[in-house]
C-alpha atoms as a PDB file:
ATOM      1  CA  MET A   1      -9.998 -10.164 -22.690  1.00  0.00           C
ATOM      2  CA  LEU A   2      -7.885 -10.049 -19.564  1.00  0.00           C
ATOM      3  CA  ASN A   3      -5.012  -7.709 -18.793  1.00  0.00           C
ATOM      4  CA  GLN A   4      -4.098  -8.240 -15.147  1.00  0.00           C
ATOM      5  CA  VAL A   5      -0.843  -8.121 -13.224  1.00  0.00           C
ATOM      6  CA  ASN A   6      -0.306  -9.039  -9.561  1.00  0.00           C
ATOM      7  CA  LEU A   7       3.030  -8.142  -7.972  1.00  0.00           C
ATOM      8  CA  ILE A   8       4.554  -8.319  -4.523  1.00  0.00           C
ATOM      9  CA  GLY A   9       7.747  -6.380  -4.088  1.00  0.00           C
ATOM     10  CA  ASN A  10       9.727  -3.640  -2.409  1.00  0.00           C
ATOM     11  CA  VAL A  11       9.391   0.019  -3.305  1.00  0.00           C
ATOM     12  CA  GLY A  12      12.666   1.326  -4.736  1.00  0.00           C
ATOM     13  CA  GLN A  13      12.255   5.031  -3.954  1.00  0.00           C
ATOM     14  CA  ASP A  14       9.806   7.335  -2.240  1.00  0.00           C
ATOM     15  CA  PRO A  15       6.680   7.660  -4.421  1.00  0.00           C
ATOM     16  CA  GLU A  16       6.330  10.878  -6.440  1.00  0.00           C
ATOM     17  CA  LEU A  17       2.906  12.547  -6.117  1.00  0.00           C
ATOM     18  CA  ARG A  18       1.812  15.072  -8.748  1.00  0.00           C
ATOM     19  CA  ASP A  19      -1.388  17.036  -9.091  1.00  0.00           C
ATOM     20  CA  THR A  20      -2.672  17.032 -12.660  1.00  0.00           C
ATOM     21  CA  SER A  21      -5.789  18.368 -14.335  1.00  0.00           C
ATOM     22  CA  ALA A  22      -7.165  14.800 -14.109  1.00  0.00           C
ATOM     23  CA  GLY A  23      -6.400  14.572 -10.362  1.00  0.00           C
ATOM     24  CA  PRO A  24      -3.578  13.183  -8.223  1.00  0.00           C
ATOM     25  CA  VAL A  25      -1.070  10.773  -9.783  1.00  0.00           C
ATOM     26  CA  VAL A  26       1.706   8.863  -8.033  1.00  0.00           C
ATOM     27  CA  ASN A  27       4.614   7.024  -9.655  1.00  0.00           C
ATOM     28  CA  LEU A  28       6.739   4.430  -7.928  1.00  0.00           C
ATOM     29  CA  SER A  29       9.230   1.720  -8.763  1.00  0.00           C
ATOM     30  CA  LEU A  30       8.648  -1.796  -7.459  1.00  0.00           C
ATOM     31  CA  ALA A  31      11.317  -4.515  -7.334  1.00  0.00           C
ATOM     32  CA  THR A  32      10.295  -8.162  -7.573  1.00  0.00           C
ATOM     33  CA  SER A  33      12.803 -10.963  -7.096  1.00  0.00           C
ATOM     34  CA  GLU A  34      13.001 -14.611  -8.062  1.00  0.00           C
ATOM     35  CA  ARG A  35      15.407 -16.952  -6.288  1.00  0.00           C
ATOM     36  CA  TRP A  36      16.573 -20.422  -7.292  1.00  0.00           C
ATOM     37  CA  LYS A  37      19.580 -22.716  -7.157  1.00  0.00           C
ATOM     38  CA  SER A  38      21.656 -23.537 -10.209  1.00  0.00           C
ATOM     39  CA  LYS A  39      22.451 -27.123 -11.182  1.00  0.00           C
ATOM     40  CA  ASP A  40      25.569 -27.021  -9.006  1.00  0.00           C
ATOM     41  CA  GLY A  41      23.581 -25.698  -6.004  1.00  0.00           C
ATOM     42  CA  THR A  42      24.751 -22.088  -6.206  1.00  0.00           C
ATOM     43  CA  PRO A  43      22.050 -19.623  -5.104  1.00  0.00           C
ATOM     44  CA  GLN A  44      20.849 -17.384  -7.945  1.00  0.00           C
ATOM     45  CA  GLU A  45      18.628 -14.310  -7.921  1.00  0.00           C
ATOM     46  CA  SER A  46      17.006 -12.165 -10.578  1.00  0.00           C
ATOM     47  CA  THR A  47      15.406  -8.809  -9.759  1.00  0.00           C
ATOM     48  CA  GLN A  48      12.960  -7.077 -12.087  1.00  0.00           C
ATOM     49  CA  TRP A  49      11.965  -3.411 -11.741  1.00  0.00           C
ATOM     50  CA  HIS A  50       8.441  -2.276 -12.555  1.00  0.00           C
ATOM     51  CA  ARG A  51       7.147   1.263 -13.038  1.00  0.00           C
ATOM     52  CA  VAL A  52       3.751   1.573 -11.346  1.00  0.00           C
ATOM     53  CA  VAL A  53       1.305   4.480 -11.573  1.00  0.00           C
ATOM     54  CA  PHE A  54      -1.776   5.060  -9.403  1.00  0.00           C
ATOM     55  CA  PHE A  55      -4.460   7.704  -9.826  1.00  0.00           C
ATOM     56  CA  GLY A  56      -6.949   9.444  -7.533  1.00  0.00           C
ATOM     57  CA  LYS A  57      -7.419   8.577  -3.859  1.00  0.00           C
ATOM     58  CA  GLY A  58      -5.125   5.550  -4.143  1.00  0.00           C
ATOM     59  CA  ALA A  59      -2.323   7.848  -5.300  1.00  0.00           C
ATOM     60  CA  GLU A  60      -2.821  10.101  -2.278  1.00  0.00           C
ATOM     61  CA  ILE A  61      -2.802   7.180   0.173  1.00  0.00           C
ATOM     62  CA  ILE A  62       0.340   5.676  -1.343  1.00  0.00           C
ATOM     63  CA  ALA A  63       2.130   9.043  -1.266  1.00  0.00           C
ATOM     64  CA  GLN A  64       1.239   9.439   2.407  1.00  0.00           C
ATOM     65  CA  TYR A  65       2.034   5.952   3.745  1.00  0.00           C
ATOM     66  CA  VAL A  66       4.551   4.305   1.392  1.00  0.00           C
ATOM     67  CA  SER A  67       8.272   5.003   1.350  1.00  0.00           C
ATOM     68  CA  LYS A  68      11.439   3.484  -0.041  1.00  0.00           C
ATOM     69  CA  GLY A  69      11.750  -0.129   1.135  1.00  0.00           C
ATOM     70  CA  SER A  70       8.032  -0.627   1.862  1.00  0.00           C
ATOM     71  CA  LYS A  71       6.701  -4.059   0.907  1.00  0.00           C
ATOM     72  CA  LEU A  72       3.620  -3.701  -1.278  1.00  0.00           C
ATOM     73  CA  TYR A  73       1.101  -5.877  -3.109  1.00  0.00           C
ATOM     74  CA  VAL A  74      -0.045  -4.275  -6.375  1.00  0.00           C
ATOM     75  CA  SER A  75      -2.793  -5.380  -8.725  1.00  0.00           C
ATOM     76  CA  GLY A  76      -3.313  -3.647 -12.037  1.00  0.00           C
ATOM     77  CA  SER A  77      -2.877  -3.882 -15.784  1.00  0.00           C
ATOM     78  CA  ILE A  78       0.042  -3.594 -18.199  1.00  0.00           C
ATOM     79  CA  GLU A  79       0.156  -0.418 -20.245  1.00  0.00           C
ATOM     80  CA  TYR A  80       2.527  -0.028 -23.200  1.00  0.00           C
ATOM     81  CA  ARG A  81       3.351   3.454 -24.447  1.00  0.00           C
ATOM     82  CA  GLU A  82       5.149   4.737 -27.489  1.00  0.00           C
ATOM     83  CA  TYR A  83       6.373   8.320 -27.668  1.00  0.00           C
ATOM     84  CA  GLU A  84       8.947  10.442 -29.434  1.00  0.00           C
ATOM     85  CA  LYS A  85      11.814  12.244 -27.717  1.00  0.00           C
ATOM     86  CA  ASP A  86      14.443  14.248 -29.583  1.00  0.00           C
ATOM     87  CA  GLY A  87      13.211  12.763 -32.856  1.00  0.00           C
ATOM     88  CA  GLU A  88      13.681   9.198 -31.634  1.00  0.00           C
ATOM     89  CA  LYS A  89      10.896   6.682 -30.905  1.00  0.00           C
ATOM     90  CA  LYS A  90      10.852   5.506 -27.302  1.00  0.00           C
ATOM     91  CA  TYR A  91       8.850   2.764 -25.642  1.00  0.00           C
ATOM     92  CA  SER A  92       7.839   2.233 -22.039  1.00  0.00           C
ATOM     93  CA  THR A  93       5.946  -0.382 -20.099  1.00  0.00           C
ATOM     94  CA  ASN A  94       4.041   0.626 -16.974  1.00  0.00           C
ATOM     95  CA  ILE A  95       1.725  -1.057 -14.533  1.00  0.00           C
ATOM     96  CA  LYS A  96      -1.493   0.927 -14.142  1.00  0.00           C
ATOM     97  CA  GLY A  97      -2.327   0.180 -10.517  1.00  0.00           C
ATOM     98  CA  ARG A  98      -5.907  -0.527  -9.448  1.00  0.00           C
ATOM     99  CA  ASP A  99      -5.525  -2.062  -5.985  1.00  0.00           C
ATOM    100  CA  PHE A 100      -2.774  -2.287  -3.410  1.00  0.00           C
ATOM    101  CA  LYS A 101      -2.142  -3.635   0.058  1.00  0.00           C
ATOM    102  CA  PHE A 102       0.528  -2.746   2.586  1.00  0.00           C
ATOM    103  CA  LEU A 103       2.526  -5.866   3.495  1.00  0.00           C
ATOM    104  CA  ASP A 104       4.896  -4.636   6.180  1.00  0.00           C
ATOM    105  CA  SER A 105       4.626  -2.993   9.583  1.00  0.00           C
ATOM    106  CA  LYS A 106       4.472   0.435   7.924  1.00  0.00           C
ATOM    107  CA  GLY A 107       0.988  -0.326   6.639  1.00  0.00           C
ATOM    108  CA  GLU A 108      -2.181  -2.303   7.195  1.00  0.00           C
ATOM    109  CA  GLY A 109      -0.878  -5.659   5.914  1.00  0.00           C
ATOM    110  CA  GLY A 110       1.645  -6.018   8.724  1.00  0.00           C
ATOM    111  CA  GLY A 111      -0.912  -5.584  11.486  1.00  0.00           C
ATOM    112  CA  ALA A 112       0.050  -2.047  12.465  1.00  0.00           C
ATOM    113  CA  ALA A 113      -2.091   0.958  11.618  1.00  0.00           C
ATOM    114  CA  PRO A 114      -0.793   3.123   8.764  1.00  0.00           C
ATOM    115  CA  ARG A 115       1.107   6.186   9.874  1.00  0.00           C
ATOM    116  CA  PRO A 116       1.931   9.260   7.820  1.00  0.00           C
ATOM    117  CA  ARG A 117       5.519   9.695   6.684  1.00  0.00           C
ATOM    118  CA  THR A 118       7.348  12.573   8.330  1.00  0.00           C
END
């Protein structure tokens, strides 16, 4: 069985790092876009937002070097969750991140050394 997702996109907000009993966890939103032209030649664009979660050392590195607007490659798996809130069933879809790569000048992918956010 294979459950793998590969995304390249822009981070929508500064990542949120939390310390839990299982170790560090970071959440971020990643926007991916698809562009095309309609039949009449009009440019079209569709943006999808993905919730991504990283654990452990990867979470710490992302929290330190990634900020809103950073371009990031993410590899991971899809995770569906069902939970109850205020007596109502809710559903969420997350990407459980395994690997990542910085793709802009703020990180390693753009050729510059990573620098801590200030």
